[in-house]
Amino acid sequence: MQIRVNQWITVAWVLLILIFTIPGFSQPQPPVNIGVVLDGPWHMNEQVLEIFESEILELTRNEFNVVFPNDKILVADWSRQGIRKALEQLLDDPQVDMVLAGGVISSQEAINFSQLPKPVLAPVILDPELQGLSSAEGKSGIKNLSYTHSPARIIREIKYFQEIVPFKKLIIISSRVFSQTIPQFQQNVDALAKSLNIEISTILADTSASSVLGEIPRGTEAVFLGTLFQMPLSQLQLLIDGINDRKLPSFSLWGKADVERGALAGLLPDTYLPRLARRTALNIQRILLGEAPEDLPVAFAPEGQVTYHTYRV
């Protein structure tokens, strides 16, 4: 009888050890609901969301029960007002624990909030200098905000473009809502032009290629394709074709994908999005482990020197 009692005691101790040492053996973790704001309808939304969700869930699955509820994934309407409203809805929702601003405009708009009641991740900051951002010792310094930025991507790429094709008169084609979300954008573009000793004009684009082509002035020597998410792929192709018909060299912020459509050059590698998603997943993991979002590093290099390519057709 004593032997049987001792056996039960041993089994009990083993169970206790398993419960407290083996991930997933103990009681299920309460869900961590992450809400997502996407800027608007876009052919890449599903793919982008899948990459981010996959990286985040893979990294956190053994420690936390992270969930992306379908009704907390909001697709805005490409307007600044609509994007801000979607962010406010998730920030006010008691069932949302963390917010992921999953687009260029929503990332910028998240930074414009004066107060954030819960952790917000804004991973798609393209160029901190042109977007008028400053970081305190390499971190956001804003309570509950973690953003990620590339090191002056647009500025670097324009300089690189000028090395490929010397020019004095450049046109930047940018999404209208992107420029409107960043009031200091044009002022910073003017400062860039002065520093490079060139002329830079900006054309604000919506969905039509013909309207953009009609605004390109005579004397333009080069075109920089910036944030054109609202433009359907068919219109983007017409835009690139129209630029090529005018014998104007073009450089795309989005790299290889637009080069394959006919743009002259681009630097962004195929690995950019997966690496950005992995960095975002690491930040979420660190927040869930107790670090303050405002203390996380903000700098992110989209590519290293070895993978820094120029593509041509």
Protein backbone atom coordinates (compact mmCIF):
# COMPACT_ATOMS: atom_id res chain seq x y z
CA MET A 1 0.00 0.00 0.00
CA GLN A 2 2.82 2.36 0.92
CA ILE A 3 4.45 1.70 -2.44
CA ARG A 4 1.26 2.67 -4.27
CA VAL A 5 1.00 5.93 -2.27
CA ASN A 6 4.59 6.78 -3.11
CA GLN A 7 3.88 6.12 -6.78
CA TRP A 8 0.95 8.53 -6.75
CA ILE A 9 3.07 11.19 -5.06
CA THR A 10 5.73 10.74 -7.73
CA VAL A 11 3.14 11.05 -10.50
CA ALA A 12 1.75 14.22 -8.89
CA TRP A 13 5.20 15.81 -8.74
CA VAL A 14 5.87 14.93 -12.36
CA LEU A 15 2.57 16.51 -13.39
CA LEU A 16 3.37 19.67 -11.46
CA ILE A 17 6.78 19.89 -13.13
CA LEU A 18 5.18 19.44 -16.55
CA ILE A 19 2.56 22.07 -15.86
CA PHE A 20 5.08 24.73 -14.87
CA THR A 21 7.92 23.93 -17.27
CA ILE A 22 6.48 22.75 -20.58
CA PRO A 23 5.01 25.50 -22.82
CA GLY A 24 1.40 24.81 -23.64
CA PHE A 25 0.98 22.12 -20.92
CA SER A 26 -0.48 24.59 -18.44
CA GLN A 27 -3.82 26.35 -18.74
CA PRO A 28 -4.36 28.14 -22.08
CA GLN A 29 -3.14 31.72 -22.23
CA PRO A 30 -5.85 34.39 -22.55
CA PRO A 31 -6.04 35.71 -26.10
CA VAL A 32 -4.07 38.76 -27.16
CA ASN A 33 -6.30 40.35 -29.79
CA ILE A 34 -4.47 42.39 -32.41
CA GLY A 35 -6.50 44.77 -34.53
CA VAL A 36 -5.23 45.83 -37.95
CA VAL A 37 -5.87 48.92 -40.05
CA LEU A 38 -5.19 48.72 -43.79
CA ASP A 39 -5.17 51.98 -45.74
CA GLY A 40 -7.73 50.95 -48.35
CA PRO A 41 -8.62 48.33 -50.96
CA TRP A 42 -5.38 47.14 -52.59
CA HIS A 43 -4.40 44.07 -54.57
CA MET A 44 -1.57 43.35 -52.10
CA ASN A 45 -3.60 43.54 -48.88
CA GLU A 46 -4.20 39.81 -48.52
CA GLN A 47 -0.57 38.93 -49.19
CA VAL A 48 0.81 41.60 -46.86
CA LEU A 49 -1.54 40.60 -44.06
CA GLU A 50 -0.69 36.92 -44.49
CA ILE A 51 3.06 37.62 -44.23
CA PHE A 52 2.68 39.73 -41.09
CA GLU A 53 0.27 37.33 -39.40
CA SER A 54 2.47 34.34 -40.20
CA GLU A 55 5.62 35.94 -38.76
CA ILE A 56 3.87 37.20 -35.62
CA LEU A 57 2.08 33.92 -34.87
CA GLU A 58 5.17 31.83 -35.55
CA LEU A 59 7.32 33.88 -33.17
CA THR A 60 4.81 34.12 -30.32
CA ARG A 61 2.95 30.80 -30.46
CA ASN A 62 4.88 29.10 -27.61
CA GLU A 63 4.49 32.04 -25.22
CA PHE A 64 1.29 33.86 -26.05
CA ASN A 65 -2.11 33.23 -27.58
CA VAL A 66 -2.05 35.94 -30.25
CA VAL A 67 -5.22 36.25 -32.31
CA PHE A 68 -6.19 38.36 -35.33
CA PRO A 69 -10.01 38.49 -35.14
CA ASN A 70 -11.56 38.94 -38.57
CA ASP A 71 -13.88 41.69 -37.37
CA LYS A 72 -10.90 43.65 -36.02
CA ILE A 73 -9.18 43.86 -39.43
CA LEU A 74 -10.39 47.14 -40.88
CA VAL A 75 -9.87 48.23 -44.48
CA ALA A 76 -10.20 52.01 -44.72
CA ASP A 77 -11.07 54.07 -47.80
CA TRP A 78 -7.69 55.65 -48.66
CA SER A 79 -8.75 58.94 -47.08
CA ARG A 80 -6.94 60.40 -44.10
CA GLN A 81 -10.27 60.81 -42.30
CA GLY A 82 -11.29 57.21 -42.98
CA ILE A 83 -7.94 55.83 -41.84
CA ARG A 84 -7.99 57.88 -38.65
CA LYS A 85 -11.55 56.77 -37.92
CA ALA A 86 -10.50 53.12 -38.28
CA LEU A 87 -7.58 53.65 -35.90
CA GLU A 88 -9.84 55.39 -33.38
CA GLN A 89 -12.32 52.51 -33.58
CA LEU A 90 -9.66 49.96 -32.63
CA LEU A 91 -8.12 52.20 -29.97
CA ASP A 92 -11.54 52.57 -28.33
CA ASP A 93 -12.40 48.87 -28.62
CA PRO A 94 -11.96 47.09 -25.24
CA GLN A 95 -11.63 43.76 -27.07
CA VAL A 96 -8.49 44.94 -28.91
CA ASP A 97 -5.24 44.68 -26.95
CA MET A 98 -2.83 45.99 -29.59
CA VAL A 99 -3.14 47.84 -32.91
CA LEU A 100 -1.08 47.23 -36.05
CA ALA A 101 -1.13 50.08 -38.55
CA GLY A 102 -0.58 47.96 -41.64
CA GLY A 103 -0.05 50.64 -44.29
CA VAL A 104 2.02 53.69 -45.14
CA ILE A 105 -0.80 56.15 -44.42
CA SER A 106 -2.06 54.41 -41.29
CA SER A 107 1.49 54.22 -39.92
CA GLN A 108 1.94 57.95 -40.42
CA GLU A 109 -1.52 58.74 -39.04
CA ALA A 110 -0.85 56.62 -35.93
CA ILE A 111 2.15 58.80 -35.18
CA ASN A 112 -0.06 61.89 -35.38
CA PHE A 113 -2.15 60.83 -32.34
CA SER A 114 -1.40 62.89 -29.25
CA GLN A 115 -2.28 60.00 -26.91
CA LEU A 116 -2.43 56.24 -27.40
CA PRO A 117 -4.31 54.21 -24.78
CA LYS A 118 -2.81 50.88 -25.89
CA PRO A 119 0.28 49.65 -27.79
CA VAL A 120 0.34 50.68 -31.45
CA LEU A 121 2.84 49.44 -34.02
CA ALA A 122 3.49 51.59 -37.09
CA PRO A 123 5.99 49.59 -39.15
CA VAL A 124 5.73 51.31 -42.55
CA ILE A 125 7.52 54.64 -42.16
CA LEU A 126 9.31 55.14 -45.47
CA ASP A 127 11.53 58.13 -44.84
CA PRO A 128 11.76 59.79 -41.41
CA GLU A 129 13.40 62.93 -42.79
CA LEU A 130 10.82 63.63 -45.50
CA GLN A 131 8.01 62.63 -43.13
CA GLY A 132 9.26 65.06 -40.49
CA LEU A 133 9.95 62.51 -37.76
CA SER A 134 12.53 62.72 -35.05
CA SER A 135 13.34 59.92 -32.65
CA ALA A 136 14.57 60.29 -29.10
CA GLU A 137 17.79 58.33 -28.86
CA GLY A 138 16.68 55.88 -31.52
CA LYS A 139 13.24 55.18 -30.06
CA SER A 140 9.81 56.75 -30.47
CA GLY A 141 9.70 58.32 -27.02
CA ILE A 142 5.88 58.44 -27.35
CA LYS A 143 3.96 56.33 -24.83
CA ASN A 144 2.56 53.13 -26.38
CA LEU A 145 4.02 53.85 -29.83
CA SER A 146 6.51 51.64 -31.64
CA TYR A 147 7.31 52.66 -35.18
CA THR A 148 9.84 51.35 -37.65
CA HIS A 149 11.55 53.44 -40.29
CA SER A 150 14.02 52.88 -43.06
CA PRO A 151 17.02 55.22 -43.05
CA ALA A 152 15.92 58.05 -45.36
CA ARG A 153 14.94 55.68 -48.17
CA ILE A 154 13.50 58.22 -50.57
CA ILE A 155 16.40 60.62 -50.15
CA ARG A 156 18.95 57.82 -50.59
CA GLU A 157 17.22 56.47 -53.65
CA ILE A 158 16.95 59.85 -55.37
CA LYS A 159 20.68 60.32 -54.83
CA TYR A 160 21.31 56.86 -56.24
CA PHE A 161 19.04 57.60 -59.20
CA GLN A 162 21.07 60.71 -59.96
CA GLU A 163 24.21 58.58 -60.09
CA ILE A 164 22.59 56.33 -62.70
CA VAL A 165 21.08 59.12 -64.80
CA PRO A 166 22.35 62.66 -64.14
CA PHE A 167 19.44 65.10 -64.09
CA LYS A 168 18.56 68.59 -62.95
CA LYS A 169 14.75 68.46 -63.20
CA LEU A 170 13.00 65.64 -61.37
CA ILE A 171 9.32 64.84 -60.94
CA ILE A 172 8.17 62.88 -57.87
CA ILE A 173 4.80 61.16 -58.32
CA SER A 174 3.23 60.64 -54.92
CA SER A 175 -0.12 59.50 -53.59
CA ARG A 176 -2.30 62.51 -52.80
CA VAL A 177 -3.40 61.17 -49.42
CA PHE A 178 0.21 60.35 -48.45
CA SER A 179 1.25 63.96 -49.05
CA GLN A 180 -1.84 65.32 -47.28
CA THR A 181 -1.13 63.19 -44.23
CA ILE A 182 2.33 64.74 -43.98
CA PRO A 183 1.89 68.55 -44.05
CA GLN A 184 5.64 69.16 -44.11
CA PHE A 185 6.24 66.77 -47.02
CA GLN A 186 6.53 69.43 -49.76
CA GLN A 187 8.63 71.68 -47.56
CA ASN A 188 11.05 68.84 -46.94
CA VAL A 189 11.11 67.98 -50.66
CA ASP A 190 12.05 71.59 -51.40
CA ALA A 191 14.87 71.38 -48.85
CA LEU A 192 16.08 68.16 -50.49
CA ALA A 193 16.08 69.81 -53.92
CA LYS A 194 18.16 72.67 -52.58
CA SER A 195 20.66 70.30 -50.97
CA LEU A 196 21.06 68.39 -54.26
CA ASN A 197 21.11 71.55 -56.38
CA ILE A 198 18.27 70.30 -58.58
CA GLU A 199 14.63 71.17 -59.26
CA ILE A 200 12.03 68.79 -57.82
CA SER A 201 8.32 69.08 -58.54
CA THR A 202 5.63 66.86 -57.05
CA ILE A 203 2.60 65.46 -58.88
CA LEU A 204 -0.14 64.16 -56.60
CA ALA A 205 -1.73 60.99 -57.95
CA ASP A 206 -5.05 59.28 -57.30
CA THR A 207 -6.18 56.41 -59.53
CA SER A 208 -5.74 57.75 -63.08
CA ALA A 209 -2.57 57.41 -65.15
CA SER A 210 -3.72 59.90 -67.80
CA SER A 211 -4.21 62.70 -65.27
CA VAL A 212 -0.66 62.21 -63.98
CA LEU A 213 0.86 62.03 -67.45
CA GLY A 214 -0.95 65.23 -68.36
CA GLU A 215 0.76 67.06 -65.50
CA ILE A 216 4.34 66.10 -66.36
CA PRO A 217 5.81 69.37 -67.64
CA ARG A 218 8.09 69.83 -70.59
CA GLY A 219 11.71 69.90 -69.62
CA THR A 220 11.33 67.05 -67.11
CA GLU A 221 14.46 64.93 -67.16
CA ALA A 222 13.59 62.08 -64.78
CA VAL A 223 10.63 60.63 -62.84
CA PHE A 224 10.57 59.11 -59.36
CA LEU A 225 7.65 56.74 -58.74
CA GLY A 226 6.67 57.00 -55.10
CA THR A 227 3.64 55.88 -53.10
CA LEU A 228 1.01 54.91 -55.69
CA PHE A 229 -1.06 52.37 -53.78
CA GLN A 230 -4.40 53.76 -54.88
CA MET A 231 -3.57 53.33 -58.54
CA PRO A 232 -4.84 50.03 -60.01
CA LEU A 233 -2.20 47.83 -61.60
CA SER A 234 -3.64 48.46 -65.06
CA GLN A 235 -3.31 52.23 -64.55
CA LEU A 236 0.16 51.89 -63.06
CA GLN A 237 1.22 49.98 -66.17
CA LEU A 238 -0.22 52.74 -68.38
CA LEU A 239 1.67 55.31 -66.33
CA ILE A 240 5.01 53.52 -66.70
CA ASP A 241 4.36 52.93 -70.41
CA GLY A 242 3.54 56.61 -70.86
CA ILE A 243 6.73 57.67 -69.08
CA ASN A 244 8.75 55.32 -71.28
CA ASP A 245 7.04 56.66 -74.43
CA ARG A 246 8.39 60.08 -73.47
CA LYS A 247 11.89 58.61 -73.13
CA LEU A 248 12.05 59.63 -69.47
CA PRO A 249 14.12 57.49 -67.09
CA SER A 250 12.16 56.36 -64.04
CA PHE A 251 13.10 55.04 -60.63
CA SER A 252 10.61 53.14 -58.45
CA LEU A 253 10.43 53.27 -54.69
CA TRP A 254 9.08 49.68 -54.81
CA GLY A 255 12.00 48.20 -56.68
CA LYS A 256 11.90 45.03 -58.73
CA ALA A 257 8.12 44.74 -59.11
CA ASP A 258 7.88 48.06 -60.97
CA VAL A 259 11.10 47.44 -62.87
CA GLU A 260 9.46 44.32 -64.28
CA ARG A 261 6.65 46.60 -65.46
CA GLY A 262 9.16 48.79 -67.29
CA ALA A 263 10.64 51.27 -64.81
CA LEU A 264 14.35 51.82 -65.33
CA ALA A 265 15.62 51.07 -61.84
CA GLY A 266 14.83 50.37 -58.20
CA LEU A 267 16.65 49.26 -55.09
CA LEU A 268 14.09 47.52 -52.92
CA PRO A 269 14.76 43.76 -52.72
CA ASP A 270 12.19 40.96 -52.56
CA THR A 271 13.17 40.31 -48.94
CA TYR A 272 11.95 43.70 -47.69
CA LEU A 273 8.42 42.73 -46.67
CA PRO A 274 9.27 39.43 -44.90
CA ARG A 275 12.10 41.12 -43.00
CA LEU A 276 9.87 44.02 -41.99
CA ALA A 277 7.21 41.54 -40.81
CA ARG A 278 9.79 39.64 -38.77
CA ARG A 279 10.99 42.89 -37.17
CA THR A 280 7.38 43.76 -36.31
CA ALA A 281 6.86 40.30 -34.82
CA LEU A 282 9.96 40.73 -32.65
CA ASN A 283 8.65 44.09 -31.41
CA ILE A 284 5.28 42.56 -30.54
CA GLN A 285 7.01 39.74 -28.68
CA ARG A 286 9.09 42.25 -26.71
CA ILE A 287 5.99 44.26 -25.79
CA LEU A 288 4.17 41.14 -24.62
CA LEU A 289 7.20 40.23 -22.52
CA GLY A 290 6.94 43.56 -20.74
CA GLU A 291 9.01 46.13 -22.65
CA ALA A 292 7.50 49.54 -23.26
CA PRO A 293 6.66 50.19 -26.95
CA GLU A 294 8.16 53.68 -26.71
CA ASP A 295 11.55 52.21 -25.74
CA LEU A 296 11.95 49.86 -28.71
CA PRO A 297 14.45 50.82 -31.44
CA VAL A 298 12.93 52.41 -34.53
CA ALA A 299 15.66 52.07 -37.16
CA PHE A 300 15.29 49.34 -39.77
CA ALA A 301 17.54 48.74 -42.78
CA PRO A 302 15.52 47.33 -45.70
CA GLU A 303 18.60 45.72 -47.19
CA GLY A 304 22.30 45.21 -46.62
CA GLN A 305 25.10 46.20 -48.92
CA VAL A 306 25.34 42.72 -50.41
CA THR A 307 21.69 42.61 -51.45
CA TYR A 308 21.50 46.23 -52.56
CA HIS A 309 20.71 45.74 -56.23
CA THR A 310 19.69 47.85 -59.18
CA TYR A 311 17.36 46.19 -61.69
CA ARG A 312 17.09 47.22 -65.31
CA VAL A 313 15.07 46.13 -68.31
